[in-house]
Protein backbone atom coordinates (compact mmCIF):
# COMPACT_ATOMS: atom_id res chain seq x y z
CA UNK A 1 51.98 59.56 17.93
CA UNK A 2 53.19 59.71 14.39
CA UNK A 3 50.36 61.71 12.27
CA UNK A 4 47.27 60.19 13.01
CA UNK A 5 48.77 56.71 13.91
CA UNK A 6 49.21 56.23 17.58
CA UNK A 7 52.28 53.56 18.60
CA UNK A 8 52.84 51.28 21.17
CA UNK A 9 55.89 51.13 23.26
CA UNK A 10 57.25 48.52 20.70
CA UNK A 11 56.71 50.77 17.87
CA UNK A 12 53.81 48.96 16.60
CA UNK A 13 50.52 50.44 15.48
CA UNK A 14 48.01 50.25 17.98
CA UNK A 15 45.15 50.04 15.40
CA UNK A 16 46.80 47.19 13.43
CA UNK A 17 47.37 45.15 16.66
CA UNK A 18 43.65 45.39 17.58
CA UNK A 19 42.74 44.23 14.00
CA UNK A 20 44.97 41.34 14.19
CA UNK A 21 43.80 40.37 17.58
CA UNK A 22 40.10 40.58 16.24
CA UNK A 23 41.38 38.29 12.97
CA UNK A 24 43.17 35.91 15.36
CA UNK A 25 39.90 35.33 17.88
CA UNK A 26 37.42 34.98 14.73
CA UNK A 27 39.67 32.43 13.21
CA UNK A 28 40.00 30.77 16.58
CA UNK A 29 36.02 30.88 16.96
CA UNK A 30 35.51 29.50 13.48
CA UNK A 31 37.79 26.56 14.21
CA UNK A 32 36.10 25.62 17.12
CA UNK A 33 32.61 25.90 15.89
CA UNK A 34 34.02 23.59 12.78
CA UNK A 35 35.51 21.11 15.34
CA UNK A 36 31.99 21.14 17.31
CA UNK A 37 30.22 20.38 13.78
CA UNK A 38 32.26 17.73 13.17
CA UNK A 39 32.13 16.11 16.44
CA UNK A 40 28.05 16.56 16.08
CA UNK A 41 28.35 14.77 12.64
CA UNK A 42 30.39 12.07 14.06
CA UNK A 43 28.19 11.51 16.64
CA UNK A 44 25.03 11.16 14.77
CA UNK A 45 26.68 8.70 12.57
CA UNK A 46 27.48 6.38 15.45
CA UNK A 47 23.55 6.89 16.43
CA UNK A 48 22.27 6.14 13.04
CA UNK A 49 24.89 2.99 13.26
CA UNK A 50 23.79 1.74 16.17
CA UNK A 51 20.05 2.11 15.77
CA UNK A 52 20.61 0.08 12.52
CA UNK A 53 22.60 -2.75 14.23
CA UNK A 54 19.75 -2.69 17.23
CA UNK A 55 17.18 -3.28 14.56
CA UNK A 56 19.46 -5.81 12.72
CA UNK A 57 19.57 -7.98 15.90
CA UNK A 58 15.66 -7.53 16.51
CA UNK A 59 14.99 -8.44 13.10
CA UNK A 60 17.50 -11.76 13.85
CA UNK A 61 15.52 -12.50 17.00
CA UNK A 62 12.42 -12.63 14.91
CA UNK A 63 13.85 -14.79 13.03
CA UNK A 64 14.96 -17.54 15.39
CA UNK A 65 11.75 -17.48 17.25
CA UNK A 66 10.06 -17.73 13.66
CA UNK A 67 11.80 -20.97 13.27
CA UNK A 68 10.37 -22.45 16.32
CA UNK A 69 6.83 -21.75 15.23
CA UNK A 70 4.71 -24.72 13.47
CA UNK A 71 1.47 -22.56 12.89
CA UNK A 72 2.01 -21.41 9.63
CA UNK A 73 -0.22 -18.14 10.36
CA UNK A 74 1.64 -17.25 13.62
CA UNK A 75 5.00 -17.82 11.43
CA UNK A 76 4.00 -15.64 8.90
CA UNK A 77 3.14 -12.72 11.16
CA UNK A 78 6.78 -13.26 12.50
CA UNK A 79 7.92 -12.65 8.85
CA UNK A 80 5.89 -9.64 8.41
CA UNK A 81 7.05 -7.96 11.42
CA UNK A 82 10.62 -8.83 10.45
CA UNK A 83 10.13 -7.18 7.66
CA UNK A 84 9.00 -3.89 9.00
CA UNK A 85 12.04 -3.81 11.18
CA UNK A 86 14.04 -4.51 8.34
CA UNK A 87 12.66 -1.42 6.17
CA UNK A 88 13.10 0.85 8.94
CA UNK A 89 16.75 -0.39 9.65
CA UNK A 90 17.36 0.40 5.93
CA UNK A 91 16.57 3.91 6.66
CA UNK A 92 19.30 4.01 9.21
CA UNK A 93 21.91 2.58 7.26
CA UNK A 94 21.34 5.07 4.47
CA UNK A 95 21.30 7.99 6.62
CA UNK A 96 24.82 6.49 8.23
CA UNK A 97 25.97 6.48 4.53
CA UNK A 98 24.30 9.68 3.54
CA UNK A 99 26.65 13.13 3.35
CA UNK A 100 24.18 15.30 5.09
CA UNK A 101 22.89 12.88 7.56
CA UNK A 102 19.66 14.60 7.77
CA UNK A 103 17.94 13.05 4.44
CA UNK A 104 18.37 9.92 2.10
CA UNK A 105 17.74 9.79 -1.68
CA UNK A 106 14.53 7.60 -1.24
CA UNK A 107 14.29 6.54 -4.59
CA UNK A 108 17.89 4.82 -4.24
CA UNK A 109 16.69 3.39 -0.92
CA UNK A 110 13.33 2.00 -2.59
CA UNK A 111 15.85 -0.44 -4.91
CA UNK A 112 17.48 -1.70 -1.59
CA UNK A 113 14.24 -2.34 0.07
CA UNK A 114 12.64 -3.86 -2.95
CA UNK A 115 15.41 -6.20 -3.36
CA UNK A 116 15.15 -7.33 0.32
CA UNK A 117 11.22 -7.75 -0.12
CA UNK A 118 11.86 -10.02 -3.19
CA UNK A 119 14.34 -12.29 -1.08
CA UNK A 120 12.04 -12.20 2.02
CA UNK A 121 9.22 -13.46 -0.02
CA UNK A 122 10.49 -15.09 -2.94
CA UNK A 123 8.23 -18.12 -2.83
CA UNK A 124 5.65 -15.48 -3.51
CA UNK A 125 8.05 -13.53 -6.04
CA UNK A 126 8.31 -16.52 -8.49
CA UNK A 127 7.66 -15.47 -11.75
CA UNK A 128 6.54 -11.98 -10.97
CA UNK A 129 8.27 -8.76 -12.71
CA UNK A 130 9.09 -5.57 -10.90
CA UNK A 131 9.07 -2.29 -12.68
CA UNK A 132 10.44 0.81 -10.84
CA UNK A 133 10.11 4.11 -12.07
CA UNK A 134 11.91 6.58 -9.53
CA UNK A 135 13.25 10.40 -9.50
CA UNK A 136 15.77 11.15 -7.38
CA UNK A 137 13.75 12.70 -3.91
CA UNK A 138 15.19 13.71 -0.75
CA UNK A 139 13.50 12.77 2.59
CA UNK A 140 14.20 13.44 6.09
CA UNK A 141 13.73 10.46 8.49
CA UNK A 142 10.13 11.47 9.63
CA UNK A 143 8.89 11.08 6.06
CA UNK A 144 11.26 8.29 4.88
CA UNK A 145 10.35 5.88 7.73
CA UNK A 146 6.56 6.18 7.14
CA UNK A 147 7.05 5.82 3.25
CA UNK A 148 9.27 2.83 3.61
CA UNK A 149 6.76 1.15 5.65
CA UNK A 150 4.13 1.99 3.43
CA UNK A 151 6.03 0.41 0.43
CA UNK A 152 6.64 -2.25 2.87
CA UNK A 153 3.15 -3.08 3.28
CA UNK A 154 1.97 -2.89 -0.19
CA UNK A 155 4.50 -4.84 -1.90
CA UNK A 156 4.46 -7.75 0.64
CA UNK A 157 0.66 -7.79 0.61
CA UNK A 158 0.77 -7.93 -3.34
CA UNK A 159 3.26 -10.72 -3.40
CA UNK A 160 1.52 -12.60 -1.14
CA UNK A 161 -2.28 -12.23 -2.22
CA UNK A 162 -2.24 -10.54 -5.70
CA UNK A 163 -1.20 -13.69 -7.61
CA UNK A 164 -2.78 -16.65 -6.48
CA UNK A 165 -1.30 -20.20 -7.22
CA UNK A 166 -1.27 -20.85 -11.05
CA UNK A 167 -1.23 -17.10 -12.08
CA UNK A 168 2.13 -16.59 -13.53
CA UNK A 169 3.79 -13.39 -15.47
CA UNK A 170 2.41 -10.61 -12.74
CA UNK A 171 3.93 -7.27 -12.58
CA UNK A 172 4.23 -5.33 -9.56
CA UNK A 173 5.37 -1.76 -10.04
CA UNK A 174 6.90 1.14 -7.83
CA UNK A 175 7.14 5.01 -8.32
CA UNK A 176 8.28 8.09 -6.38
CA UNK A 177 8.12 11.48 -7.60
CA UNK A 178 6.91 15.03 -7.70
CA UNK A 179 3.39 15.78 -9.11
CA UNK A 180 4.01 18.63 -11.33
CA UNK A 181 0.29 19.90 -10.99
CA UNK A 182 0.39 20.12 -6.98
CA UNK A 183 3.88 19.93 -6.48
CA UNK A 184 3.37 17.28 -3.81
CA UNK A 185 5.57 14.06 -3.96
CA UNK A 186 3.69 11.00 -5.22
CA UNK A 187 4.39 7.57 -4.19
CA UNK A 188 2.75 4.84 -5.73
CA UNK A 189 2.59 1.03 -5.57
CA UNK A 190 0.59 -0.75 -8.05
CA UNK A 191 -0.06 -4.59 -9.27
CA UNK A 192 -1.83 -6.04 -12.16
CA UNK A 193 -3.03 -8.97 -10.01
CA UNK A 194 -6.46 -10.27 -8.81
CA UNK A 195 -7.34 -6.86 -7.08
CA UNK A 196 -8.56 -5.92 -3.53
CA UNK A 197 -12.00 -7.52 -2.77
CA UNK A 198 -14.94 -5.35 -3.02
CA UNK A 199 -15.95 -5.73 0.47
CA UNK A 200 -12.61 -4.66 1.70
CA UNK A 201 -12.51 -0.82 3.06
CA UNK A 202 -9.01 -0.08 3.37
CA UNK A 203 -10.21 2.66 5.92
CA UNK A 204 -11.82 0.17 8.06
CA UNK A 205 -10.24 -3.30 7.43
CA UNK A 206 -9.16 -5.92 10.07
CA UNK A 207 -5.92 -6.11 8.01
CA UNK A 208 -3.03 -4.80 10.05
CA UNK A 209 -1.04 -4.30 6.65
CA UNK A 210 -3.64 -2.15 5.31
CA UNK A 211 -4.36 -0.20 8.42
CA UNK A 212 -0.77 0.67 8.53
CA UNK A 213 -0.85 1.75 5.16
CA UNK A 214 -3.65 4.24 6.05
CA UNK A 215 -2.42 5.18 9.49
CA UNK A 216 1.56 6.22 7.93
CA UNK A 217 -0.17 8.15 5.22
CA UNK A 218 -2.26 10.48 7.98
CA UNK A 219 1.31 10.40 9.65
CA UNK A 220 2.92 11.87 6.62
CA UNK A 221 -0.20 14.66 6.41
CA UNK A 222 -0.80 12.87 3.01
CA UNK A 223 -3.93 11.61 1.24
CA UNK A 224 -4.27 8.20 0.04
CA UNK A 225 -6.40 6.78 -2.94
CA UNK A 226 -6.66 3.50 -4.10
CA UNK A 227 -8.04 1.98 -7.43
CA UNK A 228 -8.89 -1.65 -7.78
CA UNK A 229 -10.85 -3.79 -9.67
CA UNK A 230 -11.50 -7.79 -9.71
CA UNK A 231 -8.77 -9.28 -12.03
CA UNK A 232 -7.40 -5.65 -13.11
CA UNK A 233 -5.08 -5.24 -10.41
CA UNK A 234 -4.60 -2.64 -7.53
CA UNK A 235 -3.22 0.95 -7.91
CA UNK A 236 -2.28 2.92 -4.16
CA UNK A 237 -1.18 6.46 -4.40
CA UNK A 238 -0.01 8.63 -1.43
CA UNK A 239 0.50 12.25 -1.85
CA UNK A 240 2.25 14.25 0.53
CA UNK A 241 4.01 17.44 0.69
CA UNK A 242 7.40 18.61 2.53
CA UNK A 243 7.24 19.65 6.01
CA UNK A 244 7.00 23.47 6.04
CA UNK A 245 10.50 24.14 7.69
CA UNK A 246 12.15 22.38 4.85
CA UNK A 247 10.43 24.69 2.04
CA UNK A 248 11.70 27.63 3.93
CA UNK A 249 15.22 26.20 3.81
């Protein structure tokens, strides 16, 4: 015992040895945690990649099946289903590329989705101008998927019905951002086409697409408003908030 320092048989301070052991154990534990997190990140990336690939296979199968259908109505139903599957596949592709693997920049995703829709409905999109107004909005998969499907339904519906033959120079707009007054997200799809017929009630319609839009808005826990006038177009706005757990993050 030298002063207040106790030495071991090798002449090393016992207290210092204990501190060194504690630091070594802590460093080892941190290294194991980093390794575990890296493994989980790799696994999540692989899951999103495989889900995307599987959805693309389903899309291709729907396309092959549609090629053998001669009924125009049935063929259109297959094309619409294929478009919905693609919109979901894009979500997983974006998550796979995302640095966090938890959220995607929905504005970037929207540009990708709209490009796919314009290609899918290229015959209907001839002469139609697209206007996009987007802010960087980070959404998790539980929000991004229904939002993507809502946009898919509304744009495809506008391309198919808003601009009858002979009407050129039509416009379709897509917007995403945060409403400063309510702090809620605001997703908007509008067109300057013929408008939804007055007898159609979006809450009680037989249209599968419009039924999906209403159902998906409820899934988001949001509210939906529809403004339409014959000959003046349609504007659909979906308001929704962040999940409670992300607000406190």
